[in-house]
Amino acid sequence: MASYASNVKKELTSLPIHPEHAKAELAAFLRMNGVLNFHEHQFSLDITTENPAIARRIFSLIKIAYKVEPQLIVSRKMKLKKNNQYLVRLQNHVKEILNNLEILSPTLNLITRIPERIIKSREGAMSYLRGAFLASGSVNNPNTSRYHLEIYSIYQDHNDDLLKIMNDRFNLNAKSTQRRRGYIVYLKEAEKIGDFLHIVGALNAMLSFEDLRIMRDMRNSVNRLVNCDTANLKKTANAAAKQVEDIELIERKIGLENIPEKLQGLARLRLEEPELSLKEIAQQVPDGPISKSGVNHRFKKIHDIAENIQK
């Protein structure tokens, strides 16, 4: 059964590619997952994934954005994993494309910052976040786990720029932390995760997330109410048991007829109806109805009498 994160990525890879925004999404893939090679005086660029839909999308992004058709190589992984591995390899115009995407400088230095033109463009920022999530993102199933969405980056300044886009551009209240050999930006608030899924275009996944979140929150609310009711019932039962204990002690030692009349009526009612709540007793006392605090006050007097008898 596919994970929730897999379903999100499946939906994202099926979205139409808009030529004017293809470069922003492609830039995220190449900056985060691309491997640049130099062999026999020629550059090549490899992007490897185990997800065939992601491989097809990278292939399409390159073809649409630059009218260049890369290679798509499929191989089977060795050892224990039996999944196919998909390699998208670009061998033509590599340097020009990376220069144009502002991933490689004219002097062949790697640029890890996200270009300002993408950060300042709403559609560009949305496309870049989509590519970043597809390249190195994950989200937990809201029905079985805590709410959590994250995107992993190798470079701190790239991570900082992702955080800037998510917070300054889209007000997602994202947080950042260091992890292993890199950094992550992450979301913990269910509402903000839903907003992120909407921003990157995973509308079906967003609606599914909201449904699961509402069901989970409703279930948690019911459980809290049940637990609260159970605790209150237990508290009421313990209090009633103590009241009965005090009354029986008074009856054995001095007799109920020797305490004030109002306390007698309350004591006899409690012995006859040990399961009643204070509210129910307040309605049924012989000289009532009285308030719950009035009932409580009388039971305190009964308790004081019982304590004095024991001294």
C-alpha atoms as a PDB file:
ATOM      1  CA  MET A   1       0.000   0.000   0.000  1.00  0.00           C
ATOM      2  CA  ALA A   2       1.411   3.391  -1.042  1.00  0.00           C
ATOM      3  CA  SER A   3       2.315   5.830   1.708  1.00  0.00           C
ATOM      4  CA  TYR A   4       0.606   9.185   2.011  1.00  0.00           C
ATOM      5  CA  ALA A   5       3.850  10.932   0.969  1.00  0.00           C
ATOM      6  CA  SER A   6       4.028   8.730  -2.140  1.00  0.00           C
ATOM      7  CA  ASN A   7       0.474   9.680  -3.049  1.00  0.00           C
ATOM      8  CA  VAL A   8       1.324  13.366  -2.663  1.00  0.00           C
ATOM      9  CA  LYS A   9       4.329  13.019  -4.973  1.00  0.00           C
ATOM     10  CA  LYS A  10       2.314  10.974  -7.444  1.00  0.00           C
ATOM     11  CA  GLU A  11      -0.217  13.780  -7.695  1.00  0.00           C
ATOM     12  CA  LEU A  12       2.494  16.426  -8.080  1.00  0.00           C
ATOM     13  CA  THR A  13       4.209  14.527 -10.902  1.00  0.00           C
ATOM     14  CA  SER A  14       0.907  14.346 -12.782  1.00  0.00           C
ATOM     15  CA  LEU A  15       0.384  18.123 -12.824  1.00  0.00           C
ATOM     16  CA  PRO A  16       0.667  19.887 -16.192  1.00  0.00           C
ATOM     17  CA  ILE A  17       4.022  21.584 -16.796  1.00  0.00           C
ATOM     18  CA  HIS A  18       3.700  25.267 -17.620  1.00  0.00           C
ATOM     19  CA  PRO A  19       6.605  26.309 -19.869  1.00  0.00           C
ATOM     20  CA  GLU A  20       7.041  29.675 -18.121  1.00  0.00           C
ATOM     21  CA  HIS A  21       7.482  27.992 -14.705  1.00  0.00           C
ATOM     22  CA  ALA A  22       9.287  24.803 -15.757  1.00  0.00           C
ATOM     23  CA  LYS A  23      12.721  26.321 -15.137  1.00  0.00           C
ATOM     24  CA  ALA A  24      11.972  27.139 -11.485  1.00  0.00           C
ATOM     25  CA  GLU A  25      10.841  23.584 -10.745  1.00  0.00           C
ATOM     26  CA  LEU A  26      13.746  22.119 -12.710  1.00  0.00           C
ATOM     27  CA  ALA A  27      16.211  24.359 -10.842  1.00  0.00           C
ATOM     28  CA  ALA A  28      15.125  22.814  -7.532  1.00  0.00           C
ATOM     29  CA  PHE A  29      15.627  19.268  -8.862  1.00  0.00           C
ATOM     30  CA  LEU A  30      19.052  19.989 -10.317  1.00  0.00           C
ATOM     31  CA  ARG A  31      20.320  22.053  -7.380  1.00  0.00           C
ATOM     32  CA  MET A  32      19.216  19.422  -4.836  1.00  0.00           C
ATOM     33  CA  ASN A  33      19.703  16.131  -6.671  1.00  0.00           C
ATOM     34  CA  GLY A  34      21.907  16.820  -9.684  1.00  0.00           C
ATOM     35  CA  VAL A  35      25.411  15.369  -9.988  1.00  0.00           C
ATOM     36  CA  LEU A  36      27.741  17.181 -12.363  1.00  0.00           C
ATOM     37  CA  ASN A  37      30.392  15.085 -14.120  1.00  0.00           C
ATOM     38  CA  PHE A  38      33.311  16.077 -16.319  1.00  0.00           C
ATOM     39  CA  HIS A  39      34.748  13.421 -18.600  1.00  0.00           C
ATOM     40  CA  GLU A  40      36.833  13.714 -21.741  1.00  0.00           C
ATOM     41  CA  HIS A  41      36.469  17.504 -21.831  1.00  0.00           C
ATOM     42  CA  GLN A  42      32.693  17.241 -21.676  1.00  0.00           C
ATOM     43  CA  PHE A  43      30.136  17.952 -18.926  1.00  0.00           C
ATOM     44  CA  SER A  44      27.251  15.641 -18.125  1.00  0.00           C
ATOM     45  CA  LEU A  45      24.566  15.952 -15.495  1.00  0.00           C
ATOM     46  CA  ASP A  46      22.890  13.010 -13.723  1.00  0.00           C
ATOM     47  CA  ILE A  47      19.743  12.922 -11.606  1.00  0.00           C
ATOM     48  CA  THR A  48      18.932   9.558 -10.022  1.00  0.00           C
ATOM     49  CA  THR A  49      15.645   8.443  -8.451  1.00  0.00           C
ATOM     50  CA  GLU A  50      13.744   5.254  -7.635  1.00  0.00           C
ATOM     51  CA  ASN A  51      10.463   6.917  -8.571  1.00  0.00           C
ATOM     52  CA  PRO A  52       9.661   6.476 -12.271  1.00  0.00           C
ATOM     53  CA  ALA A  53       7.084   9.297 -12.234  1.00  0.00           C
ATOM     54  CA  ILE A  54       9.668  11.736 -10.864  1.00  0.00           C
ATOM     55  CA  ALA A  55      12.181  10.590 -13.495  1.00  0.00           C
ATOM     56  CA  ARG A  56       9.600  11.217 -16.249  1.00  0.00           C
ATOM     57  CA  ARG A  57       8.845  14.662 -14.843  1.00  0.00           C
ATOM     58  CA  ILE A  58      12.516  15.675 -14.763  1.00  0.00           C
ATOM     59  CA  PHE A  59      12.824  14.412 -18.349  1.00  0.00           C
ATOM     60  CA  SER A  60       9.787  16.491 -19.377  1.00  0.00           C
ATOM     61  CA  LEU A  61      10.937  19.610 -17.499  1.00  0.00           C
ATOM     62  CA  ILE A  62      14.288  19.590 -19.324  1.00  0.00           C
ATOM     63  CA  LYS A  63      12.666  18.955 -22.679  1.00  0.00           C
ATOM     64  CA  ILE A  64      10.015  21.684 -22.240  1.00  0.00           C
ATOM     65  CA  ALA A  65      12.320  24.290 -20.681  1.00  0.00           C
ATOM     66  CA  TYR A  66      15.304  23.872 -23.034  1.00  0.00           C
ATOM     67  CA  LYS A  67      14.114  21.855 -26.041  1.00  0.00           C
ATOM     68  CA  VAL A  68      16.784  19.263 -25.197  1.00  0.00           C
ATOM     69  CA  GLU A  69      16.008  15.570 -24.832  1.00  0.00           C
ATOM     70  CA  PRO A  70      18.044  13.865 -22.078  1.00  0.00           C
ATOM     71  CA  GLN A  71      18.694  10.155 -21.736  1.00  0.00           C
ATOM     72  CA  LEU A  72      16.522   8.041 -19.460  1.00  0.00           C
ATOM     73  CA  ILE A  73      18.405   4.966 -18.218  1.00  0.00           C
ATOM     74  CA  VAL A  74      16.722   2.240 -16.159  1.00  0.00           C
ATOM     75  CA  SER A  75      18.752  -0.196 -14.065  1.00  0.00           C
ATOM     76  CA  ARG A  76      17.981  -2.657 -11.286  1.00  0.00           C
ATOM     77  CA  LYS A  77      19.557  -2.027  -7.913  1.00  0.00           C
ATOM     78  CA  MET A  78      21.650  -4.793  -6.449  1.00  0.00           C
ATOM     79  CA  LYS A  79      21.804  -6.185  -2.898  1.00  0.00           C
ATOM     80  CA  LEU A  80      18.574  -6.444  -0.937  1.00  0.00           C
ATOM     81  CA  LYS A  81      16.589  -3.718  -2.709  1.00  0.00           C
ATOM     82  CA  LYS A  82      14.928  -4.857  -5.895  1.00  0.00           C
ATOM     83  CA  ASN A  83      13.558  -1.488  -7.004  1.00  0.00           C
ATOM     84  CA  ASN A  84      14.492  -0.128 -10.366  1.00  0.00           C
ATOM     85  CA  GLN A  85      16.745   2.913 -10.430  1.00  0.00           C
ATOM     86  CA  TYR A  86      16.051   5.661 -12.955  1.00  0.00           C
ATOM     87  CA  LEU A  87      18.832   7.888 -14.223  1.00  0.00           C
ATOM     88  CA  VAL A  88      18.094  11.042 -16.188  1.00  0.00           C
ATOM     89  CA  ARG A  89      21.318  12.068 -17.934  1.00  0.00           C
ATOM     90  CA  LEU A  90      21.862  15.353 -19.689  1.00  0.00           C
ATOM     91  CA  GLN A  91      24.900  15.486 -21.994  1.00  0.00           C
ATOM     92  CA  ASN A  92      24.181  18.438 -24.277  1.00  0.00           C
ATOM     93  CA  HIS A  93      24.277  22.107 -23.349  1.00  0.00           C
ATOM     94  CA  VAL A  94      24.897  21.220 -19.670  1.00  0.00           C
ATOM     95  CA  LYS A  95      27.002  24.267 -18.845  1.00  0.00           C
ATOM     96  CA  GLU A  96      24.631  26.652 -20.614  1.00  0.00           C
ATOM     97  CA  ILE A  97      21.573  25.231 -18.854  1.00  0.00           C
ATOM     98  CA  LEU A  98      23.184  25.336 -15.405  1.00  0.00           C
ATOM     99  CA  ASN A  99      24.351  28.910 -16.072  1.00  0.00           C
ATOM    100  CA  ASN A 100      20.860  29.893 -17.140  1.00  0.00           C
ATOM    101  CA  LEU A 101      19.321  28.334 -14.015  1.00  0.00           C
ATOM    102  CA  GLU A 102      21.927  30.121 -11.871  1.00  0.00           C
ATOM    103  CA  ILE A 103      23.196  26.851 -10.433  1.00  0.00           C
ATOM    104  CA  LEU A 104      26.664  27.200 -11.969  1.00  0.00           C
ATOM    105  CA  SER A 105      28.487  30.495 -12.299  1.00  0.00           C
ATOM    106  CA  PRO A 106      30.371  31.465 -15.510  1.00  0.00           C
ATOM    107  CA  THR A 107      33.549  30.538 -13.625  1.00  0.00           C
ATOM    108  CA  LEU A 108      32.079  27.061 -12.899  1.00  0.00           C
ATOM    109  CA  ASN A 109      31.425  27.684  -9.191  1.00  0.00           C
ATOM    110  CA  LEU A 110      28.370  26.034  -7.630  1.00  0.00           C
ATOM    111  CA  ILE A 111      25.624  28.490  -6.620  1.00  0.00           C
ATOM    112  CA  THR A 112      23.561  27.121  -3.707  1.00  0.00           C
ATOM    113  CA  ARG A 113      21.348  30.193  -3.152  1.00  0.00           C
ATOM    114  CA  ILE A 114      17.920  30.339  -4.753  1.00  0.00           C
ATOM    115  CA  PRO A 115      17.827  33.143  -7.356  1.00  0.00           C
ATOM    116  CA  GLU A 116      16.010  36.320  -6.288  1.00  0.00           C
ATOM    117  CA  ARG A 117      13.912  36.232  -9.453  1.00  0.00           C
ATOM    118  CA  ILE A 118      12.374  32.967  -8.217  1.00  0.00           C
ATOM    119  CA  ILE A 119      11.929  34.163  -4.625  1.00  0.00           C
ATOM    120  CA  LYS A 120      10.202  37.362  -5.824  1.00  0.00           C
ATOM    121  CA  SER A 121       7.854  35.557  -8.233  1.00  0.00           C
ATOM    122  CA  ARG A 122       4.823  33.922  -6.616  1.00  0.00           C
ATOM    123  CA  GLU A 123       4.423  31.349  -9.395  1.00  0.00           C
ATOM    124  CA  GLY A 124       8.188  30.792  -9.524  1.00  0.00           C
ATOM    125  CA  ALA A 125       8.341  30.265  -5.761  1.00  0.00           C
ATOM    126  CA  MET A 126       5.428  27.810  -5.900  1.00  0.00           C
ATOM    127  CA  SER A 127       7.119  25.851  -8.692  1.00  0.00           C
ATOM    128  CA  TYR A 128      10.449  25.822  -6.863  1.00  0.00           C
ATOM    129  CA  LEU A 129       8.807  24.489  -3.674  1.00  0.00           C
ATOM    130  CA  ARG A 130       7.115  21.783  -5.747  1.00  0.00           C
ATOM    131  CA  GLY A 131      10.437  20.701  -7.228  1.00  0.00           C
ATOM    132  CA  ALA A 132      12.155  20.855  -3.823  1.00  0.00           C
ATOM    133  CA  PHE A 133       9.478  18.683  -2.217  1.00  0.00           C
ATOM    134  CA  LEU A 134       9.623  16.153  -5.053  1.00  0.00           C
ATOM    135  CA  ALA A 135      13.415  16.123  -4.849  1.00  0.00           C
ATOM    136  CA  SER A 136      13.836  15.762  -1.104  1.00  0.00           C
ATOM    137  CA  GLY A 137      10.581  16.184   0.785  1.00  0.00           C
ATOM    138  CA  SER A 138       8.389  13.995   2.957  1.00  0.00           C
ATOM    139  CA  VAL A 139       5.115  14.298   4.854  1.00  0.00           C
ATOM    140  CA  ASN A 140       3.642  12.038   7.508  1.00  0.00           C
ATOM    141  CA  ASN A 141       0.235  10.431   7.244  1.00  0.00           C
ATOM    142  CA  PRO A 142      -1.999  12.628   9.440  1.00  0.00           C
ATOM    143  CA  ASN A 143      -4.138   9.646  10.415  1.00  0.00           C
ATOM    144  CA  THR A 144      -1.390   7.568  11.998  1.00  0.00           C
ATOM    145  CA  SER A 145       1.333   9.926  13.105  1.00  0.00           C
ATOM    146  CA  ARG A 146       2.177  13.398  14.314  1.00  0.00           C
ATOM    147  CA  TYR A 147       1.809  16.210  11.818  1.00  0.00           C
ATOM    148  CA  HIS A 148       5.142  16.749  10.074  1.00  0.00           C
ATOM    149  CA  LEU A 149       6.302  17.896   6.628  1.00  0.00           C
ATOM    150  CA  GLU A 150       9.943  18.541   5.794  1.00  0.00           C
ATOM    151  CA  ILE A 151      12.368  19.292   2.951  1.00  0.00           C
ATOM    152  CA  TYR A 152      16.012  18.271   3.280  1.00  0.00           C
ATOM    153  CA  SER A 153      18.893  20.369   1.913  1.00  0.00           C
ATOM    154  CA  ILE A 154      22.630  19.765   1.874  1.00  0.00           C
ATOM    155  CA  TYR A 155      23.496  23.469   1.953  1.00  0.00           C
ATOM    156  CA  GLN A 156      22.570  25.813   4.787  1.00  0.00           C
ATOM    157  CA  ASP A 157      22.103  28.889   2.601  1.00  0.00           C
ATOM    158  CA  HIS A 158      19.742  26.941   0.322  1.00  0.00           C
ATOM    159  CA  ASN A 159      17.843  25.783   3.397  1.00  0.00           C
ATOM    160  CA  ASP A 160      17.661  29.415   4.579  1.00  0.00           C
ATOM    161  CA  ASP A 161      16.230  30.491   1.231  1.00  0.00           C
ATOM    162  CA  LEU A 162      13.577  27.763   1.343  1.00  0.00           C
ATOM    163  CA  LEU A 163      12.646  28.988   4.816  1.00  0.00           C
ATOM    164  CA  LYS A 164      12.437  32.543   3.456  1.00  0.00           C
ATOM    165  CA  ILE A 165      10.099  31.504   0.640  1.00  0.00           C
ATOM    166  CA  MET A 166       7.867  29.468   2.941  1.00  0.00           C
ATOM    167  CA  ASN A 167       7.568  32.172   5.592  1.00  0.00           C
ATOM    168  CA  ASP A 168       7.978  35.534   3.870  1.00  0.00           C
ATOM    169  CA  ARG A 169       6.148  34.613   0.698  1.00  0.00           C
ATOM    170  CA  PHE A 170       3.525  32.140   1.966  1.00  0.00           C
ATOM    171  CA  ASN A 171       3.340  32.718   5.746  1.00  0.00           C
ATOM    172  CA  LEU A 172       3.736  29.020   6.587  1.00  0.00           C
ATOM    173  CA  ASN A 173       5.474  29.477   9.944  1.00  0.00           C
ATOM    174  CA  ALA A 174       8.158  26.954   8.940  1.00  0.00           C
ATOM    175  CA  LYS A 175      11.056  26.120  11.231  1.00  0.00           C
ATOM    176  CA  SER A 176      14.621  25.040  10.431  1.00  0.00           C
ATOM    177  CA  THR A 177      17.129  22.706  12.055  1.00  0.00           C
ATOM    178  CA  GLN A 178      20.346  20.876  11.275  1.00  0.00           C
ATOM    179  CA  ARG A 179      20.158  17.159  10.633  1.00  0.00           C
ATOM    180  CA  ARG A 180      22.927  14.667   9.969  1.00  0.00           C
ATOM    181  CA  ARG A 181      24.916  16.020   7.005  1.00  0.00           C
ATOM    182  CA  GLY A 182      22.447  18.694   6.062  1.00  0.00           C
ATOM    183  CA  TYR A 183      19.515  20.868   7.078  1.00  0.00           C
ATOM    184  CA  ILE A 184      15.732  20.692   7.017  1.00  0.00           C
ATOM    185  CA  VAL A 185      12.879  23.137   6.908  1.00  0.00           C
ATOM    186  CA  TYR A 186       9.773  21.657   8.474  1.00  0.00           C
ATOM    187  CA  LEU A 187       6.137  22.290   9.312  1.00  0.00           C
ATOM    188  CA  LYS A 188       4.362  20.936  12.393  1.00  0.00           C
ATOM    189  CA  GLU A 189       1.021  22.753  12.212  1.00  0.00           C
ATOM    190  CA  ALA A 190      -1.691  20.781  10.448  1.00  0.00           C
ATOM    191  CA  GLU A 191      -3.250  23.897   8.910  1.00  0.00           C
ATOM    192  CA  LYS A 192       0.114  25.051   7.488  1.00  0.00           C
ATOM    193  CA  ILE A 193       0.835  21.597   6.027  1.00  0.00           C
ATOM    194  CA  GLY A 194      -2.531  21.784   4.269  1.00  0.00           C
ATOM    195  CA  ASP A 195      -1.594  25.246   2.995  1.00  0.00           C
ATOM    196  CA  PHE A 196       1.753  23.953   1.680  1.00  0.00           C
ATOM    197  CA  LEU A 197       0.078  21.100  -0.214  1.00  0.00           C
ATOM    198  CA  HIS A 198      -2.292  23.618  -1.764  1.00  0.00           C
ATOM    199  CA  ILE A 199       0.581  25.945  -2.711  1.00  0.00           C
ATOM    200  CA  VAL A 200       2.545  23.245  -4.554  1.00  0.00           C
ATOM    201  CA  GLY A 201      -0.585  22.043  -6.351  1.00  0.00           C
ATOM    202  CA  ALA A 202      -1.435  18.806  -4.516  1.00  0.00           C
ATOM    203  CA  LEU A 203      -5.125  19.701  -4.159  1.00  0.00           C
ATOM    204  CA  ASN A 204      -6.439  16.148  -3.830  1.00  0.00           C
ATOM    205  CA  ALA A 205      -3.770  15.316  -1.271  1.00  0.00           C
ATOM    206  CA  MET A 206      -4.637  18.519   0.602  1.00  0.00           C
ATOM    207  CA  LEU A 207      -8.333  17.588   0.744  1.00  0.00           C
ATOM    208  CA  SER A 208      -7.436  14.055   1.843  1.00  0.00           C
ATOM    209  CA  PHE A 209      -5.121  15.512   4.488  1.00  0.00           C
ATOM    210  CA  GLU A 210      -7.886  17.789   5.773  1.00  0.00           C
ATOM    211  CA  ASP A 211     -10.372  14.896   5.933  1.00  0.00           C
ATOM    212  CA  LEU A 212      -7.920  12.700   7.827  1.00  0.00           C
ATOM    213  CA  ARG A 213      -6.951  15.571  10.119  1.00  0.00           C
ATOM    214  CA  ILE A 214     -10.574  16.387  10.960  1.00  0.00           C
ATOM    215  CA  MET A 215     -11.345  12.715  11.660  1.00  0.00           C
ATOM    216  CA  ARG A 216      -8.243  12.373  13.822  1.00  0.00           C
ATOM    217  CA  ASP A 217      -8.933  15.552  15.755  1.00  0.00           C
ATOM    218  CA  MET A 218     -12.563  14.534  16.236  1.00  0.00           C
ATOM    219  CA  ARG A 219     -11.475  11.110  17.487  1.00  0.00           C
ATOM    220  CA  ASN A 220      -8.995  12.736  19.862  1.00  0.00           C
ATOM    221  CA  SER A 221     -11.686  15.112  21.125  1.00  0.00           C
ATOM    222  CA  VAL A 222     -14.066  12.229  21.752  1.00  0.00           C
ATOM    223  CA  ASN A 223     -11.331  10.322  23.572  1.00  0.00           C
ATOM    224  CA  ARG A 224     -10.559  13.366  25.704  1.00  0.00           C
ATOM    225  CA  LEU A 225     -14.233  13.753  26.583  1.00  0.00           C
ATOM    226  CA  VAL A 226     -14.563  10.053  27.409  1.00  0.00           C
ATOM    227  CA  ASN A 227     -11.420  10.175  29.534  1.00  0.00           C
ATOM    228  CA  CYS A 228     -12.674  13.312  31.255  1.00  0.00           C
ATOM    229  CA  ASP A 229     -16.073  11.733  31.912  1.00  0.00           C
ATOM    230  CA  THR A 230     -14.406   8.584  33.203  1.00  0.00           C
ATOM    231  CA  ALA A 231     -12.173  10.599  35.507  1.00  0.00           C
ATOM    232  CA  ASN A 232     -15.148  12.603  36.763  1.00  0.00           C
ATOM    233  CA  LEU A 233     -17.179   9.447  37.354  1.00  0.00           C
ATOM    234  CA  LYS A 234     -14.297   7.902  39.256  1.00  0.00           C
ATOM    235  CA  LYS A 235     -13.874  11.063  41.313  1.00  0.00           C
ATOM    236  CA  THR A 236     -17.615  11.158  42.047  1.00  0.00           C
ATOM    237  CA  ALA A 237     -17.644   7.476  43.006  1.00  0.00           C
ATOM    238  CA  ASN A 238     -14.653   7.897  45.336  1.00  0.00           C
ATOM    239  CA  ALA A 239     -16.230  10.936  46.967  1.00  0.00           C
ATOM    240  CA  ALA A 240     -19.551   9.105  47.421  1.00  0.00           C
ATOM    241  CA  ALA A 241     -17.775   6.098  48.927  1.00  0.00           C
ATOM    242  CA  LYS A 242     -16.037   8.357  51.450  1.00  0.00           C
ATOM    243  CA  GLN A 243     -19.335  10.054  52.317  1.00  0.00           C
ATOM    244  CA  VAL A 244     -21.015   6.685  52.899  1.00  0.00           C
ATOM    245  CA  GLU A 245     -18.065   5.643  55.064  1.00  0.00           C
ATOM    246  CA  ASP A 246     -18.421   8.800  57.217  1.00  0.00           C
ATOM    247  CA  ILE A 247     -22.206   8.343  57.551  1.00  0.00           C
ATOM    248  CA  GLU A 248     -21.926   4.663  58.526  1.00  0.00           C
ATOM    249  CA  LEU A 249     -19.329   5.553  61.158  1.00  0.00           C
ATOM    250  CA  ILE A 250     -21.634   8.194  62.674  1.00  0.00           C
ATOM    251  CA  GLU A 251     -24.559   5.774  62.626  1.00  0.00           C
ATOM    252  CA  ARG A 252     -22.542   3.100  64.424  1.00  0.00           C
ATOM    253  CA  LYS A 253     -21.009   5.362  67.047  1.00  0.00           C
ATOM    254  CA  ILE A 254     -23.710   7.922  67.966  1.00  0.00           C
ATOM    255  CA  GLY A 255     -26.684   7.298  65.658  1.00  0.00           C
ATOM    256  CA  LEU A 256     -27.830   9.570  62.826  1.00  0.00           C
ATOM    257  CA  GLU A 257     -30.676  10.901  64.974  1.00  0.00           C
ATOM    258  CA  ASN A 258     -28.107  12.744  67.070  1.00  0.00           C
ATOM    259  CA  ILE A 259     -26.838  15.003  64.289  1.00  0.00           C
ATOM    260  CA  PRO A 260     -28.644  18.132  62.934  1.00  0.00           C
ATOM    261  CA  GLU A 261     -31.871  17.416  61.057  1.00  0.00           C
ATOM    262  CA  LYS A 262     -30.656  18.800  57.731  1.00  0.00           C
ATOM    263  CA  LEU A 263     -27.570  16.589  57.932  1.00  0.00           C
ATOM    264  CA  GLN A 264     -29.735  13.580  58.845  1.00  0.00           C
ATOM    265  CA  GLY A 265     -31.863  13.978  55.711  1.00  0.00           C
ATOM    266  CA  LEU A 266     -28.766  14.265  53.518  1.00  0.00           C
ATOM    267  CA  ALA A 267     -27.065  11.297  55.221  1.00  0.00           C
ATOM    268  CA  ARG A 268     -30.063   8.995  54.809  1.00  0.00           C
ATOM    269  CA  LEU A 269     -30.460   9.994  51.145  1.00  0.00           C
ATOM    270  CA  ARG A 270     -26.797   9.213  50.472  1.00  0.00           C
ATOM    271  CA  LEU A 271     -27.127   5.765  52.128  1.00  0.00           C
ATOM    272  CA  GLU A 272     -30.212   5.017  50.039  1.00  0.00           C
ATOM    273  CA  GLU A 273     -28.766   6.393  46.774  1.00  0.00           C
ATOM    274  CA  PRO A 274     -24.934   6.016  46.863  1.00  0.00           C
ATOM    275  CA  GLU A 275     -24.624   6.452  43.072  1.00  0.00           C
ATOM    276  CA  LEU A 276     -26.257   9.898  42.861  1.00  0.00           C
ATOM    277  CA  SER A 277     -24.146  12.896  41.818  1.00  0.00           C
ATOM    278  CA  LEU A 278     -24.050  16.048  43.958  1.00  0.00           C
ATOM    279  CA  LYS A 279     -26.329  17.752  41.443  1.00  0.00           C
ATOM    280  CA  GLU A 280     -28.895  14.951  41.725  1.00  0.00           C
ATOM    281  CA  ILE A 281     -28.693  14.924  45.515  1.00  0.00           C
ATOM    282  CA  ALA A 282     -29.170  18.711  45.555  1.00  0.00           C
ATOM    283  CA  GLN A 283     -32.526  18.207  43.830  1.00  0.00           C
ATOM    284  CA  GLN A 284     -33.690  15.404  46.161  1.00  0.00           C
ATOM    285  CA  VAL A 285     -32.704  16.386  49.717  1.00  0.00           C
ATOM    286  CA  PRO A 286     -35.789  16.522  52.001  1.00  0.00           C
ATOM    287  CA  ASP A 287     -35.472  20.281  52.603  1.00  0.00           C
ATOM    288  CA  GLY A 288     -34.336  21.028  49.058  1.00  0.00           C
ATOM    289  CA  PRO A 289     -33.709  21.687  46.330  1.00  0.00           C
ATOM    290  CA  ILE A 290     -30.470  23.367  47.300  1.00  0.00           C
ATOM    291  CA  SER A 291     -27.266  24.238  45.441  1.00  0.00           C
ATOM    292  CA  LYS A 292     -24.381  21.819  44.806  1.00  0.00           C
ATOM    293  CA  SER A 293     -22.179  23.981  47.013  1.00  0.00           C
ATOM    294  CA  GLY A 294     -24.822  23.694  49.736  1.00  0.00           C
ATOM    295  CA  VAL A 295     -24.716  19.882  49.458  1.00  0.00           C
ATOM    296  CA  ASN A 296     -20.932  19.963  49.518  1.00  0.00           C
ATOM    297  CA  HIS A 297     -20.954  22.136  52.623  1.00  0.00           C
ATOM    298  CA  ARG A 298     -23.265  19.693  54.448  1.00  0.00           C
ATOM    299  CA  PHE A 299     -21.107  16.701  53.508  1.00  0.00           C
ATOM    300  CA  LYS A 300     -18.096  18.593  54.895  1.00  0.00           C
ATOM    301  CA  LYS A 301     -19.932  19.012  58.200  1.00  0.00           C
ATOM    302  CA  ILE A 302     -20.722  15.282  58.225  1.00  0.00           C
ATOM    303  CA  HIS A 303     -17.046  14.554  57.560  1.00  0.00           C
ATOM    304  CA  ASP A 304     -16.001  16.849  60.420  1.00  0.00           C
ATOM    305  CA  ILE A 305     -18.393  14.997  62.784  1.00  0.00           C
ATOM    306  CA  ALA A 306     -16.931  11.644  61.686  1.00  0.00           C
ATOM    307  CA  GLU A 307     -13.406  12.888  62.234  1.00  0.00           C
ATOM    308  CA  ASN A 308     -14.234  14.155  65.705  1.00  0.00           C
ATOM    309  CA  ILE A 309     -15.755  10.775  66.605  1.00  0.00           C
ATOM    310  CA  GLN A 310     -12.544   9.042  65.594  1.00  0.00           C
ATOM    311  CA  LYS A 311     -10.338  11.291  67.727  1.00  0.00           C
END
